Amino acid sequence: MTLDAPALDQLFRSARTANAWQDRTVPDTKLQELYDLLKLGPTSANSSPARFVFVRTAEGKAKLKDALSEGNIAKTMTAPVIVIVAHDPRFYDELPKLFPHADARSWFAGNAALAEVTAFRNGTLQGAYLIMAARAVGLDTGPMSGFDNAKVDEAFFAGSGWKSNFLVNLGYGDESGLFPRSPRLSFDEAARLE
């Protein structure tokens, strides 16, 4: 079944990257609703290596501010929620629960290189699912990478092994902060049929 035009508009055609935010709180129940959608997206062996920190308090934002690039401070500090999209390189410890019909843990335990690339790839996928789930539940997003990963990891993940990947500002966007939509590559420029 193809989604109807309004749903496609909400998810893709009309959705924009928010740079300014309305002064509206995002309820914790909305964040849980968002997570309950994004967790259903496919990952290799149902590995689900992404980890998410929903930064929404003044204390949490203060910890994050020092790691932000100068150009990202204002739009991030005014966002109601900032999600740190991270991954757990030891995601495979959860595989007996998440992929119980095979010994998938043994595929990654003792192979740090394979575990890291799998965690990064699939955690990035889950970060994209977060963006789409946020749009689906009526939130605007502002994904970005302009920050110091080492500072974020030290401030939020010390001792856990988790590694930050990118940030997503969440809330209700203020349309006055939108830029004109930038061009996209055409099918012929970005894809080929074989």
C-alpha atoms as a PDB file:
ATOM      1  CA  MET A   1       0.000   0.000   0.000  1.00  0.00           C
ATOM      2  CA  THR A   2       1.322   3.419  -0.963  1.00  0.00           C
ATOM      3  CA  LEU A   3       0.941   6.205   1.581  1.00  0.00           C
ATOM      4  CA  ASP A   4      -1.416   9.002   0.610  1.00  0.00           C
ATOM      5  CA  ALA A   5      -0.106  12.380  -0.569  1.00  0.00           C
ATOM      6  CA  PRO A   6      -0.471  14.168   2.820  1.00  0.00           C
ATOM      7  CA  ALA A   7       1.575  11.449   4.546  1.00  0.00           C
ATOM      8  CA  LEU A   8       4.287  11.619   1.865  1.00  0.00           C
ATOM      9  CA  ASP A   9       4.315  15.402   2.210  1.00  0.00           C
ATOM     10  CA  GLN A  10       4.719  15.165   5.997  1.00  0.00           C
ATOM     11  CA  LEU A  11       7.539  12.641   5.784  1.00  0.00           C
ATOM     12  CA  PHE A  12       9.395  13.910   2.713  1.00  0.00           C
ATOM     13  CA  ARG A  13       8.075  16.506   0.286  1.00  0.00           C
ATOM     14  CA  SER A  14       7.124  19.271   2.726  1.00  0.00           C
ATOM     15  CA  ALA A  15       9.420  18.266   5.587  1.00  0.00           C
ATOM     16  CA  ARG A  16      12.345  20.597   6.130  1.00  0.00           C
ATOM     17  CA  THR A  17      15.397  20.847   8.357  1.00  0.00           C
ATOM     18  CA  ALA A  18      14.435  23.158  11.222  1.00  0.00           C
ATOM     19  CA  ASN A  19      16.895  25.860  12.277  1.00  0.00           C
ATOM     20  CA  ALA A  20      14.618  27.825  14.618  1.00  0.00           C
ATOM     21  CA  TRP A  21      12.123  26.608  17.178  1.00  0.00           C
ATOM     22  CA  GLN A  22       8.805  27.548  18.697  1.00  0.00           C
ATOM     23  CA  ASP A  23       8.838  27.856  22.470  1.00  0.00           C
ATOM     24  CA  ARG A  24       6.824  24.646  22.936  1.00  0.00           C
ATOM     25  CA  THR A  25       7.701  21.743  25.192  1.00  0.00           C
ATOM     26  CA  VAL A  26       7.903  18.258  23.728  1.00  0.00           C
ATOM     27  CA  PRO A  27       6.289  15.894  26.252  1.00  0.00           C
ATOM     28  CA  ASP A  28       8.239  12.820  27.332  1.00  0.00           C
ATOM     29  CA  THR A  29       5.320  10.716  26.107  1.00  0.00           C
ATOM     30  CA  LYS A  30       5.926  12.074  22.582  1.00  0.00           C
ATOM     31  CA  LEU A  31       9.593  11.006  22.808  1.00  0.00           C
ATOM     32  CA  GLN A  32       8.519   7.524  23.902  1.00  0.00           C
ATOM     33  CA  GLU A  33       6.029   7.383  21.014  1.00  0.00           C
ATOM     34  CA  LEU A  34       8.818   8.373  18.624  1.00  0.00           C
ATOM     35  CA  TYR A  35      11.141   5.680  20.013  1.00  0.00           C
ATOM     36  CA  ASP A  36       8.433   3.020  19.810  1.00  0.00           C
ATOM     37  CA  LEU A  37       8.234   3.697  16.054  1.00  0.00           C
ATOM     38  CA  LEU A  38      11.938   3.993  15.270  1.00  0.00           C
ATOM     39  CA  LYS A  39      12.837   0.760  17.080  1.00  0.00           C
ATOM     40  CA  LEU A  40      10.815  -1.167  14.493  1.00  0.00           C
ATOM     41  CA  GLY A  41      13.120  -0.210  11.605  1.00  0.00           C
ATOM     42  CA  PRO A  42      15.301  -3.044  10.281  1.00  0.00           C
ATOM     43  CA  THR A  43      18.910  -3.563  11.357  1.00  0.00           C
ATOM     44  CA  SER A  44      21.382  -6.372  10.648  1.00  0.00           C
ATOM     45  CA  ALA A  45      20.381  -9.426  12.698  1.00  0.00           C
ATOM     46  CA  ASN A  46      17.990  -7.128  14.576  1.00  0.00           C
ATOM     47  CA  SER A  47      21.136  -5.809  16.265  1.00  0.00           C
ATOM     48  CA  SER A  48      19.641  -2.433  17.245  1.00  0.00           C
ATOM     49  CA  PRO A  49      23.007  -0.892  18.200  1.00  0.00           C
ATOM     50  CA  ALA A  50      21.829   2.728  18.380  1.00  0.00           C
ATOM     51  CA  ARG A  51      21.552   4.421  21.742  1.00  0.00           C
ATOM     52  CA  PHE A  52      19.722   7.709  22.213  1.00  0.00           C
ATOM     53  CA  VAL A  53      20.073  10.435  24.806  1.00  0.00           C
ATOM     54  CA  PHE A  54      17.166  12.900  24.750  1.00  0.00           C
ATOM     55  CA  VAL A  55      18.710  16.070  26.171  1.00  0.00           C
ATOM     56  CA  ARG A  56      15.896  18.341  27.365  1.00  0.00           C
ATOM     57  CA  THR A  57      16.962  19.892  30.668  1.00  0.00           C
ATOM     58  CA  ALA A  58      19.016  23.033  31.242  1.00  0.00           C
ATOM     59  CA  GLU A  59      21.684  20.880  32.938  1.00  0.00           C
ATOM     60  CA  GLY A  60      21.870  18.503  29.997  1.00  0.00           C
ATOM     61  CA  LYS A  61      22.078  21.346  27.489  1.00  0.00           C
ATOM     62  CA  ALA A  62      24.859  22.981  29.515  1.00  0.00           C
ATOM     63  CA  LYS A  63      26.874  19.736  29.294  1.00  0.00           C
ATOM     64  CA  LEU A  64      26.354  19.647  25.535  1.00  0.00           C
ATOM     65  CA  LYS A  65      26.960  23.327  24.748  1.00  0.00           C
ATOM     66  CA  ASP A  66      30.744  23.148  25.136  1.00  0.00           C
ATOM     67  CA  ALA A  67      30.975  20.480  22.423  1.00  0.00           C
ATOM     68  CA  LEU A  68      29.009  22.403  19.779  1.00  0.00           C
ATOM     69  CA  SER A  69      30.532  24.242  16.843  1.00  0.00           C
ATOM     70  CA  GLU A  70      29.974  27.989  17.152  1.00  0.00           C
ATOM     71  CA  GLY A  71      27.463  28.075  14.295  1.00  0.00           C
ATOM     72  CA  ASN A  72      25.288  25.414  15.905  1.00  0.00           C
ATOM     73  CA  ILE A  73      25.011  26.816  19.438  1.00  0.00           C
ATOM     74  CA  ALA A  74      21.971  29.098  19.047  1.00  0.00           C
ATOM     75  CA  LYS A  75      19.766  26.686  17.087  1.00  0.00           C
ATOM     76  CA  THR A  76      20.683  23.797  19.362  1.00  0.00           C
ATOM     77  CA  MET A  77      20.324  25.546  22.702  1.00  0.00           C
ATOM     78  CA  THR A  78      16.876  26.828  21.711  1.00  0.00           C
ATOM     79  CA  ALA A  79      15.639  23.419  20.530  1.00  0.00           C
ATOM     80  CA  PRO A  80      13.257  21.840  23.047  1.00  0.00           C
ATOM     81  CA  VAL A  81      15.117  18.510  22.755  1.00  0.00           C
ATOM     82  CA  ILE A  82      18.484  17.502  21.357  1.00  0.00           C
ATOM     83  CA  VAL A  83      18.960  13.819  20.631  1.00  0.00           C
ATOM     84  CA  ILE A  84      22.461  12.421  20.795  1.00  0.00           C
ATOM     85  CA  VAL A  85      22.408   9.532  18.337  1.00  0.00           C
ATOM     86  CA  ALA A  86      25.095   7.108  19.459  1.00  0.00           C
ATOM     87  CA  HIS A  87      25.941   3.456  19.080  1.00  0.00           C
ATOM     88  CA  ASP A  88      27.108   0.748  21.439  1.00  0.00           C
ATOM     89  CA  PRO A  89      30.072  -1.191  20.002  1.00  0.00           C
ATOM     90  CA  ARG A  90      29.120  -4.045  22.377  1.00  0.00           C
ATOM     91  CA  PHE A  91      25.584  -4.230  20.981  1.00  0.00           C
ATOM     92  CA  TYR A  92      26.165  -7.939  20.429  1.00  0.00           C
ATOM     93  CA  ASP A  93      25.691  -8.632  24.136  1.00  0.00           C
ATOM     94  CA  GLU A  94      21.968  -8.036  23.511  1.00  0.00           C
ATOM     95  CA  LEU A  95      21.772 -10.427  20.538  1.00  0.00           C
ATOM     96  CA  PRO A  96      20.720 -13.487  22.557  1.00  0.00           C
ATOM     97  CA  LYS A  97      17.546 -11.517  23.358  1.00  0.00           C
ATOM     98  CA  LEU A  98      17.161  -9.667  20.040  1.00  0.00           C
ATOM     99  CA  PHE A  99      18.098 -12.507  17.652  1.00  0.00           C
ATOM    100  CA  PRO A 100      17.400 -15.659  19.679  1.00  0.00           C
ATOM    101  CA  HIS A 101      17.157 -18.135  16.802  1.00  0.00           C
ATOM    102  CA  ALA A 102      20.924 -18.078  16.082  1.00  0.00           C
ATOM    103  CA  ASP A 103      24.143 -17.550  18.020  1.00  0.00           C
ATOM    104  CA  ALA A 104      24.645 -14.112  16.457  1.00  0.00           C
ATOM    105  CA  ARG A 105      26.666 -12.887  19.441  1.00  0.00           C
ATOM    106  CA  SER A 106      29.530 -15.157  18.376  1.00  0.00           C
ATOM    107  CA  TRP A 107      29.688 -13.399  15.003  1.00  0.00           C
ATOM    108  CA  PHE A 108      30.858 -10.183  16.677  1.00  0.00           C
ATOM    109  CA  ALA A 109      32.389 -11.058  20.060  1.00  0.00           C
ATOM    110  CA  GLY A 110      36.169 -11.054  19.637  1.00  0.00           C
ATOM    111  CA  ASN A 111      35.965  -9.205  16.305  1.00  0.00           C
ATOM    112  CA  ALA A 112      36.083  -5.532  17.310  1.00  0.00           C
ATOM    113  CA  ALA A 113      36.468  -4.269  13.731  1.00  0.00           C
ATOM    114  CA  LEU A 114      33.336  -6.077  12.523  1.00  0.00           C
ATOM    115  CA  ALA A 115      31.404  -5.053  15.624  1.00  0.00           C
ATOM    116  CA  GLU A 116      32.361  -1.376  15.196  1.00  0.00           C
ATOM    117  CA  VAL A 117      31.452  -1.134  11.517  1.00  0.00           C
ATOM    118  CA  THR A 118      28.177  -2.999  12.138  1.00  0.00           C
ATOM    119  CA  ALA A 119      27.323  -0.779  15.114  1.00  0.00           C
ATOM    120  CA  PHE A 120      28.125   2.415  13.219  1.00  0.00           C
ATOM    121  CA  ARG A 121      26.242   1.441  10.056  1.00  0.00           C
ATOM    122  CA  ASN A 122      23.133   0.159  11.780  1.00  0.00           C
ATOM    123  CA  GLY A 123      23.164   2.883  14.435  1.00  0.00           C
ATOM    124  CA  THR A 124      23.228   5.452  11.626  1.00  0.00           C
ATOM    125  CA  LEU A 125      20.233   3.728  10.040  1.00  0.00           C
ATOM    126  CA  GLN A 126      18.411   3.951  13.347  1.00  0.00           C
ATOM    127  CA  GLY A 127      19.240   7.660  13.525  1.00  0.00           C
ATOM    128  CA  ALA A 128      17.543   8.085  10.147  1.00  0.00           C
ATOM    129  CA  TYR A 129      14.552   6.136  11.458  1.00  0.00           C
ATOM    130  CA  LEU A 130      14.451   8.587  14.362  1.00  0.00           C
ATOM    131  CA  ILE A 131      14.146  11.506  11.928  1.00  0.00           C
ATOM    132  CA  MET A 132      11.322   9.836  10.020  1.00  0.00           C
ATOM    133  CA  ALA A 133       9.539   8.736  13.203  1.00  0.00           C
ATOM    134  CA  ALA A 134       9.773  12.287  14.554  1.00  0.00           C
ATOM    135  CA  ARG A 135       8.178  13.639  11.392  1.00  0.00           C
ATOM    136  CA  ALA A 136       5.499  10.924  11.579  1.00  0.00           C
ATOM    137  CA  VAL A 137       4.479  12.023  15.105  1.00  0.00           C
ATOM    138  CA  GLY A 138       4.382  15.717  14.183  1.00  0.00           C
ATOM    139  CA  LEU A 139       7.825  16.920  15.259  1.00  0.00           C
ATOM    140  CA  ASP A 140      10.364  18.838  13.214  1.00  0.00           C
ATOM    141  CA  THR A 141      14.013  17.832  13.097  1.00  0.00           C
ATOM    142  CA  GLY A 142      17.379  19.471  12.616  1.00  0.00           C
ATOM    143  CA  PRO A 143      20.054  16.782  12.196  1.00  0.00           C
ATOM    144  CA  MET A 144      23.662  17.944  12.347  1.00  0.00           C
ATOM    145  CA  SER A 145      27.238  16.900  12.808  1.00  0.00           C
ATOM    146  CA  GLY A 146      28.891  20.165  13.842  1.00  0.00           C
ATOM    147  CA  PHE A 147      30.169  19.144  17.264  1.00  0.00           C
ATOM    148  CA  ASP A 148      33.146  17.536  19.003  1.00  0.00           C
ATOM    149  CA  ASN A 149      32.388  13.823  19.368  1.00  0.00           C
ATOM    150  CA  ALA A 150      35.116  13.274  21.964  1.00  0.00           C
ATOM    151  CA  LYS A 151      33.666  15.988  24.221  1.00  0.00           C
ATOM    152  CA  VAL A 152      30.145  14.575  23.901  1.00  0.00           C
ATOM    153  CA  ASP A 153      31.367  11.059  24.621  1.00  0.00           C
ATOM    154  CA  GLU A 154      33.241  12.231  27.707  1.00  0.00           C
ATOM    155  CA  ALA A 155      30.325  14.284  29.007  1.00  0.00           C
ATOM    156  CA  PHE A 156      27.572  11.734  28.363  1.00  0.00           C
ATOM    157  CA  PHE A 157      29.094   8.283  27.840  1.00  0.00           C
ATOM    158  CA  ALA A 158      32.180   8.034  30.055  1.00  0.00           C
ATOM    159  CA  GLY A 159      32.668   4.421  31.068  1.00  0.00           C
ATOM    160  CA  SER A 160      29.844   3.092  28.866  1.00  0.00           C
ATOM    161  CA  GLY A 161      31.736   2.511  25.632  1.00  0.00           C
ATOM    162  CA  TRP A 162      28.962   4.232  23.678  1.00  0.00           C
ATOM    163  CA  LYS A 163      30.096   6.526  20.853  1.00  0.00           C
ATOM    164  CA  SER A 164      28.255   9.567  19.540  1.00  0.00           C
ATOM    165  CA  ASN A 165      27.482   9.738  15.838  1.00  0.00           C
ATOM    166  CA  PHE A 166      25.331  12.820  15.188  1.00  0.00           C
ATOM    167  CA  LEU A 167      22.812  15.128  16.843  1.00  0.00           C
ATOM    168  CA  VAL A 168      19.179  15.750  16.010  1.00  0.00           C
ATOM    169  CA  ASN A 169      17.418  18.862  17.294  1.00  0.00           C
ATOM    170  CA  LEU A 170      13.735  18.115  17.902  1.00  0.00           C
ATOM    171  CA  GLY A 171      10.681  20.221  18.495  1.00  0.00           C
ATOM    172  CA  TYR A 172       8.160  22.331  16.676  1.00  0.00           C
ATOM    173  CA  GLY A 173       9.947  24.330  14.023  1.00  0.00           C
ATOM    174  CA  ASP A 174       9.590  28.054  13.504  1.00  0.00           C
ATOM    175  CA  GLU A 175       9.113  28.525   9.750  1.00  0.00           C
ATOM    176  CA  SER A 176      10.837  31.925   9.870  1.00  0.00           C
ATOM    177  CA  GLY A 177      14.130  30.041  10.328  1.00  0.00           C
ATOM    178  CA  LEU A 178      13.803  27.965   7.149  1.00  0.00           C
ATOM    179  CA  PHE A 179      16.144  28.435   4.214  1.00  0.00           C
ATOM    180  CA  PRO A 180      14.937  27.882   0.660  1.00  0.00           C
ATOM    181  CA  ARG A 181      15.096  24.161  -0.144  1.00  0.00           C
ATOM    182  CA  SER A 182      18.457  23.312  -1.666  1.00  0.00           C
ATOM    183  CA  PRO A 183      18.614  21.373  -4.939  1.00  0.00           C
ATOM    184  CA  ARG A 184      18.739  17.588  -4.973  1.00  0.00           C
ATOM    185  CA  LEU A 185      20.419  15.308  -7.472  1.00  0.00           C
ATOM    186  CA  SER A 186      18.159  13.824 -10.138  1.00  0.00           C
ATOM    187  CA  PHE A 187      17.672  10.079 -10.461  1.00  0.00           C
ATOM    188  CA  ASP A 188      20.069   9.998 -13.426  1.00  0.00           C
ATOM    189  CA  GLU A 189      22.743  11.857 -11.450  1.00  0.00           C
ATOM    190  CA  ALA A 190      22.560   9.667  -8.344  1.00  0.00           C
ATOM    191  CA  ALA A 191      21.351   6.279  -9.503  1.00  0.00           C
ATOM    192  CA  ARG A 192      21.622   3.786 -12.326  1.00  0.00           C
ATOM    193  CA  LEU A 193      19.719   0.734 -13.386  1.00  0.00           C
ATOM    194  CA  GLU A 194      21.652  -2.451 -14.175  1.00  0.00           C
END
